Amino acid sequence: MADAQTSFAAPRTVPSGMGSGQADGVFPRTVTHFGGATTIPAAPQRVVVISTGQLDGLLTLGVVPVGSTRGTGAGLVPAYLTAAFPDRADQLGQLADLGTRQEPNLEAVAAVKPDLILVNKAGAADYADQLAAIAPTVLTEGTGVNWKQDFLLLADALGRTQQAQGILDAFHATAAAHAAGQVPSVSLVRTTSDRTRIFGVASFPGSIAQDAGFPRPDSQQFEKTSEDISAEQLDRADADWIFYGVQSGSEDQSVVENPTWKTLTAVAADHVVPVDDDMWYLNAGPTAAATVLREMISATS
């Protein structure tokens, strides 16, 4: 049986003093967030998303934004969201392209006439004030481990906190049921064109593994999101199971061709699971989380 968890890496509530304190559907509402306090006069109808995970969060709540940024070298809508929301395909096909997440096109943002802009504080210091001059703007914290609190804060801005809490409650119930059984250890590994990383507990997939009671190897019990490992350190990637993501467009196979890789416990047991890099390691939202949880449980059962 997995060890009982007394605390979790991913915050399950918004920080004290944040949010609106208003009931769902009540407008105007003033939402205190990671960039101050913003008054939203009416239920948003034209939402713009700037950062990772926010498109996922909106779609999970039944809202399609009018515009979105894209990851560097990535499509406007991650494939896993297209698959998860086939009934929204036409609307998603009409999303305005607002540039990259690192450098949003502010003229394009203004052109779609948003009534709410959502952006992560992480990385937005250079343009958050400019966004706020266009429309009411709410800043979530960002970084994958904060996906739950950020989802709740995003939902508050939409007047849908109760709906979001219900989604998280269902996720936690599924994870807790699994944690009550016999659970193998898991390793989280991602390769890009120039480096290999292992992910700690305080990461998006790491927090999901923790919720579901999956033990982590000692080598991944650090507080950072991830750590780079060299070819000589591949033993740090070992566990009963390895969930392995590869950056889109990366052709580097040096990790799996490394002699050390072939000696790992999980590799020898054929317990290496290739995963959708976008969903597992790049987009920290509730639909991604539910799918990652399901895939972790299914693969190891």
Protein backbone atom coordinates (compact mmCIF):
# COMPACT_ATOMS: atom_id res chain seq x y z
CA MET A 1 0.00 0.00 0.00
CA ALA A 2 1.27 3.47 -0.82
CA ASP A 3 2.37 5.69 2.04
CA ALA A 4 -0.33 8.02 3.34
CA GLN A 5 0.19 11.60 2.18
CA THR A 6 -0.11 14.35 4.76
CA SER A 7 0.77 17.16 2.38
CA PHE A 8 0.86 17.59 -1.36
CA ALA A 9 3.22 19.44 -3.67
CA ALA A 10 0.38 20.90 -5.74
CA PRO A 11 -1.68 23.47 -3.79
CA ARG A 12 -5.34 22.47 -3.73
CA THR A 13 -6.78 25.91 -2.94
CA VAL A 14 -6.03 29.44 -4.07
CA PRO A 15 -3.67 31.33 -1.74
CA SER A 16 -5.23 33.09 1.22
CA GLY A 17 -6.64 36.45 0.22
CA MET A 18 -6.96 35.61 -3.46
CA GLY A 19 -10.06 35.04 -5.51
CA SER A 20 -13.29 37.03 -5.30
CA GLY A 21 -15.26 35.39 -2.50
CA GLN A 22 -18.33 35.72 -4.73
CA ALA A 23 -20.81 32.99 -5.55
CA ASP A 24 -20.72 31.52 -9.03
CA GLY A 25 -22.40 33.65 -11.68
CA VAL A 26 -22.32 36.86 -9.62
CA PHE A 27 -20.99 39.90 -11.52
CA PRO A 28 -19.43 42.36 -11.23
CA ARG A 29 -16.76 40.56 -9.22
CA THR A 30 -13.32 41.70 -8.12
CA VAL A 31 -10.72 38.95 -8.30
CA THR A 32 -7.51 39.28 -6.34
CA HIS A 33 -4.73 37.44 -8.17
CA PHE A 34 -0.96 37.30 -8.67
CA GLY A 35 -0.92 40.72 -10.30
CA GLY A 36 -3.20 42.65 -7.97
CA ALA A 37 -6.99 42.97 -8.06
CA THR A 38 -9.14 43.12 -11.18
CA THR A 39 -12.83 43.95 -11.47
CA ILE A 40 -14.71 41.94 -14.07
CA PRO A 41 -17.97 43.78 -14.80
CA ALA A 42 -19.94 40.97 -16.46
CA ALA A 43 -19.64 37.29 -17.33
CA PRO A 44 -16.79 37.15 -19.88
CA GLN A 45 -17.79 36.34 -23.44
CA ARG A 46 -14.51 36.99 -25.27
CA VAL A 47 -11.62 35.45 -23.35
CA VAL A 48 -7.99 35.48 -24.45
CA VAL A 49 -5.40 33.03 -23.08
CA ILE A 50 -1.69 33.76 -23.12
CA SER A 51 -0.03 31.01 -21.06
CA THR A 52 0.22 27.24 -20.91
CA GLY A 53 -2.62 25.29 -19.35
CA GLN A 54 -5.19 28.05 -19.66
CA LEU A 55 -6.71 26.84 -22.92
CA ASP A 56 -7.05 23.43 -21.26
CA GLY A 57 -8.72 24.99 -18.21
CA LEU A 58 -11.20 27.01 -20.25
CA LEU A 59 -12.22 24.09 -22.45
CA THR A 60 -12.66 21.88 -19.39
CA LEU A 61 -15.13 24.47 -18.08
CA GLY A 62 -16.98 24.57 -21.41
CA VAL A 63 -15.56 27.92 -22.57
CA VAL A 64 -13.79 28.47 -25.89
CA PRO A 65 -11.56 31.55 -26.01
CA VAL A 66 -11.46 33.91 -28.97
CA GLY A 67 -7.68 33.90 -29.16
CA SER A 68 -4.60 32.10 -27.88
CA THR A 69 -0.84 32.17 -28.12
CA ARG A 70 1.23 29.16 -29.15
CA GLY A 71 4.29 27.42 -27.78
CA THR A 72 7.52 27.87 -29.70
CA GLY A 73 7.38 25.55 -32.70
CA ALA A 74 3.97 24.23 -31.63
CA GLY A 75 0.46 24.42 -33.02
CA LEU A 76 -2.15 26.79 -31.66
CA VAL A 77 -4.19 23.95 -30.12
CA PRO A 78 -2.36 20.93 -28.65
CA ALA A 79 -3.43 17.68 -30.28
CA TYR A 80 -4.65 16.21 -26.99
CA LEU A 81 -7.19 19.04 -26.63
CA THR A 82 -8.43 18.58 -30.19
CA ALA A 83 -8.95 14.91 -29.37
CA ALA A 84 -10.59 15.61 -26.01
CA PHE A 85 -13.06 18.21 -27.35
CA PRO A 86 -14.11 17.08 -30.85
CA ASP A 87 -17.39 18.97 -30.50
CA ARG A 88 -15.40 22.20 -30.29
CA ALA A 89 -13.37 21.58 -33.45
CA ASP A 90 -15.05 24.33 -35.50
CA GLN A 91 -14.61 26.95 -32.78
CA LEU A 92 -11.04 25.93 -32.10
CA GLY A 93 -10.31 26.22 -35.80
CA GLN A 94 -11.36 29.87 -35.61
CA LEU A 95 -9.07 30.84 -32.72
CA ALA A 96 -7.09 33.98 -33.39
CA ASP A 97 -3.35 33.37 -33.40
CA LEU A 98 -1.86 35.85 -30.93
CA GLY A 99 1.81 35.01 -31.37
CA THR A 100 4.04 33.04 -29.06
CA ARG A 101 3.66 32.64 -25.32
CA GLN A 102 7.01 34.34 -24.81
CA GLU A 103 6.18 37.31 -27.07
CA PRO A 104 2.43 37.74 -27.56
CA ASN A 105 1.33 40.05 -30.34
CA LEU A 106 -0.34 42.82 -28.36
CA GLU A 107 -1.92 44.39 -31.45
CA ALA A 108 -3.51 41.05 -32.29
CA VAL A 109 -4.74 40.71 -28.70
CA ALA A 110 -6.42 44.13 -28.86
CA ALA A 111 -7.90 43.36 -32.28
CA VAL A 112 -10.04 40.47 -30.98
CA LYS A 113 -11.62 42.84 -28.40
CA PRO A 114 -11.31 40.60 -25.32
CA ASP A 115 -13.30 41.20 -22.17
CA LEU A 116 -10.94 39.02 -20.10
CA ILE A 117 -7.27 38.13 -20.52
CA LEU A 118 -5.65 35.24 -18.66
CA VAL A 119 -1.88 35.01 -18.29
CA ASN A 120 0.63 33.35 -15.97
CA LYS A 121 2.71 35.65 -13.77
CA ALA A 122 5.73 33.52 -14.63
CA GLY A 123 7.23 35.08 -17.72
CA ALA A 124 4.72 37.93 -18.08
CA ALA A 125 6.61 40.70 -16.29
CA ASP A 126 7.46 42.48 -19.55
CA TYR A 127 3.93 42.77 -20.87
CA ALA A 128 1.36 42.21 -18.07
CA ASP A 129 0.66 45.94 -17.70
CA GLN A 130 0.15 46.27 -21.45
CA LEU A 131 -2.35 43.43 -21.39
CA ALA A 132 -4.22 45.04 -18.50
CA ALA A 133 -4.53 48.23 -20.55
CA ILE A 134 -6.39 46.25 -23.21
CA ALA A 135 -8.91 44.39 -21.01
CA PRO A 136 -9.40 43.10 -17.45
CA THR A 137 -6.44 40.78 -16.87
CA VAL A 138 -6.05 38.03 -14.27
CA LEU A 139 -2.62 36.59 -13.50
CA THR A 140 -2.32 32.99 -12.36
CA GLU A 141 0.97 31.87 -10.82
CA GLY A 142 2.18 29.49 -13.51
CA THR A 143 4.62 26.56 -13.39
CA GLY A 144 3.11 23.11 -13.62
CA VAL A 145 2.86 22.22 -9.95
CA ASN A 146 0.41 25.09 -9.38
CA TRP A 147 -2.12 23.79 -11.89
CA LYS A 148 -4.93 23.24 -9.38
CA GLN A 149 -4.86 26.65 -7.71
CA ASP A 150 -4.44 28.30 -11.11
CA PHE A 151 -7.45 26.42 -12.46
CA LEU A 152 -9.55 27.60 -9.51
CA LEU A 153 -8.39 31.20 -9.94
CA LEU A 154 -9.12 31.09 -13.67
CA ALA A 155 -12.55 29.66 -12.90
CA ASP A 156 -13.23 32.44 -10.38
CA ALA A 157 -12.63 35.03 -13.08
CA LEU A 158 -15.29 33.26 -15.16
CA GLY A 159 -17.72 32.92 -12.25
CA ARG A 160 -17.38 29.11 -12.32
CA THR A 161 -15.49 28.24 -9.14
CA GLN A 162 -17.98 25.60 -7.98
CA GLN A 163 -17.81 23.85 -11.35
CA ALA A 164 -14.00 23.80 -11.22
CA GLN A 165 -13.98 22.49 -7.66
CA GLY A 166 -16.23 19.63 -8.69
CA ILE A 167 -13.79 18.70 -11.45
CA LEU A 168 -10.88 18.70 -9.00
CA ASP A 169 -12.87 16.71 -6.44
CA ALA A 170 -13.51 13.98 -9.02
CA PHE A 171 -9.81 13.94 -9.94
CA HIS A 172 -8.77 13.64 -6.28
CA ALA A 173 -11.26 10.84 -5.65
CA THR A 174 -9.86 8.78 -8.55
CA ALA A 175 -6.29 9.41 -7.43
CA ALA A 176 -6.99 8.57 -3.79
CA ALA A 177 -8.70 5.30 -4.70
CA HIS A 178 -5.61 4.23 -6.60
CA ALA A 179 -3.25 5.31 -3.79
CA ALA A 180 -4.96 2.87 -1.45
CA GLY A 181 -3.57 -0.13 -3.37
CA GLN A 182 -0.19 -1.62 -4.24
CA VAL A 183 1.60 1.03 -6.29
CA PRO A 184 4.92 0.72 -8.18
CA SER A 185 7.51 3.48 -8.38
CA VAL A 186 7.56 5.77 -11.41
CA SER A 187 10.17 7.89 -13.11
CA LEU A 188 9.40 10.95 -15.24
CA VAL A 189 11.85 11.68 -18.06
CA ARG A 190 11.85 14.18 -20.91
CA THR A 191 14.32 14.57 -23.76
CA THR A 192 14.73 17.65 -25.94
CA SER A 193 17.18 18.27 -28.78
CA ASP A 194 19.96 19.22 -26.38
CA ARG A 195 19.25 17.77 -22.94
CA THR A 196 17.59 15.08 -20.85
CA ARG A 197 15.67 15.93 -17.69
CA ILE A 198 14.13 14.03 -14.82
CA PHE A 199 11.11 15.59 -13.11
CA GLY A 200 10.64 15.94 -9.38
CA VAL A 201 7.56 15.75 -7.18
CA ALA A 202 7.04 19.51 -7.52
CA SER A 203 6.17 19.30 -11.22
CA PHE A 204 2.93 18.81 -13.12
CA PRO A 205 3.28 15.04 -13.71
CA GLY A 206 5.11 14.67 -10.39
CA SER A 207 2.17 16.13 -8.49
CA ILE A 208 -0.20 13.75 -10.26
CA ALA A 209 1.98 10.77 -9.38
CA GLN A 210 1.99 11.94 -5.77
CA ASP A 211 -1.81 12.28 -5.70
CA ALA A 212 -2.13 8.70 -6.95
CA GLY A 213 0.36 7.35 -4.41
CA PHE A 214 3.11 6.43 -6.88
CA PRO A 215 6.46 6.34 -5.05
CA ARG A 216 9.33 8.19 -6.71
CA PRO A 217 12.96 7.08 -6.84
CA ASP A 218 15.30 8.81 -4.39
CA SER A 219 17.01 10.47 -7.36
CA GLN A 220 13.80 12.41 -8.11
CA GLN A 221 12.97 13.54 -4.58
CA PHE A 222 14.10 17.12 -5.17
CA GLU A 223 12.08 20.32 -4.79
CA LYS A 224 12.78 21.80 -8.22
CA THR A 225 10.55 21.10 -11.19
CA SER A 226 13.28 19.18 -13.00
CA GLU A 227 16.99 18.50 -13.15
CA ASP A 228 19.21 17.92 -16.15
CA ILE A 229 21.08 14.64 -16.22
CA SER A 230 24.10 13.70 -18.31
CA ALA A 231 24.60 10.49 -20.27
CA GLU A 232 26.60 9.19 -17.32
CA GLN A 233 23.71 9.85 -14.92
CA LEU A 234 20.99 7.85 -16.66
CA ASP A 235 20.72 5.59 -13.63
CA ARG A 236 18.88 8.52 -11.98
CA ALA A 237 16.05 7.86 -14.43
CA ASP A 238 15.37 4.35 -13.16
CA ALA A 239 12.23 3.12 -11.36
CA ASP A 240 9.70 0.30 -11.76
CA TRP A 241 8.18 2.28 -14.64
CA ILE A 242 9.48 5.15 -16.78
CA PHE A 243 7.17 7.63 -18.52
CA TYR A 244 9.24 9.09 -21.32
CA GLY A 245 8.44 12.24 -23.32
CA VAL A 246 10.32 13.59 -26.34
CA GLN A 247 10.09 17.19 -27.51
CA SER A 248 8.18 17.57 -30.76
CA GLY A 249 10.59 17.66 -33.66
CA SER A 250 13.51 16.21 -31.72
CA GLU A 251 15.25 13.40 -33.55
CA ASP A 252 17.84 12.72 -30.85
CA GLN A 253 17.80 9.01 -29.89
CA SER A 254 21.02 9.08 -27.87
CA VAL A 255 19.23 8.40 -24.58
CA VAL A 256 17.57 5.15 -25.57
CA GLU A 257 20.68 4.05 -27.48
CA ASN A 258 22.94 4.66 -24.49
CA PRO A 259 24.24 1.35 -23.03
CA THR A 260 23.30 2.50 -19.51
CA TRP A 261 19.67 3.02 -20.57
CA LYS A 262 19.41 -0.63 -21.53
CA THR A 263 20.47 -1.73 -18.03
CA LEU A 264 17.73 0.19 -16.20
CA THR A 265 15.18 -1.89 -14.29
CA ALA A 266 12.22 -0.44 -16.16
CA VAL A 267 13.86 -0.85 -19.56
CA ALA A 268 14.81 -4.48 -18.90
CA ALA A 269 11.23 -5.19 -17.80
CA ASP A 270 9.77 -3.42 -20.86
CA HIS A 271 8.18 -0.89 -18.53
CA VAL A 272 8.99 2.24 -20.53
CA VAL A 273 5.90 4.17 -21.67
CA PRO A 274 6.25 6.80 -24.43
CA VAL A 275 3.92 9.69 -23.59
CA ASP A 276 2.47 12.77 -25.30
CA ASP A 277 5.07 15.43 -24.50
CA ASP A 278 2.58 18.30 -24.84
CA MET A 279 0.14 16.79 -22.38
CA TRP A 280 2.56 15.39 -19.81
CA TYR A 281 5.25 18.04 -19.70
CA LEU A 282 4.07 21.29 -21.32
CA ASN A 283 0.38 22.02 -20.67
CA ALA A 284 -0.61 21.97 -17.03
CA GLY A 285 -4.42 21.86 -17.09
CA PRO A 286 -7.22 19.70 -15.70
CA THR A 287 -7.97 17.75 -18.89
CA ALA A 288 -4.28 16.95 -19.30
CA ALA A 289 -4.11 15.96 -15.61
CA ALA A 290 -7.07 13.60 -15.82
CA THR A 291 -5.57 11.91 -18.87
CA VAL A 292 -2.08 11.67 -17.34
CA LEU A 293 -3.61 10.10 -14.23
CA ARG A 294 -5.58 7.61 -16.30
CA GLU A 295 -2.52 6.69 -18.38
CA MET A 296 -0.32 6.24 -15.29
CA ILE A 297 -2.85 3.93 -13.68
CA SER A 298 -3.63 1.98 -16.86
CA ALA A 299 0.02 1.41 -17.81
CA THR A 300 1.06 0.16 -14.37
CA SER A 301 -1.98 -1.92 -13.50
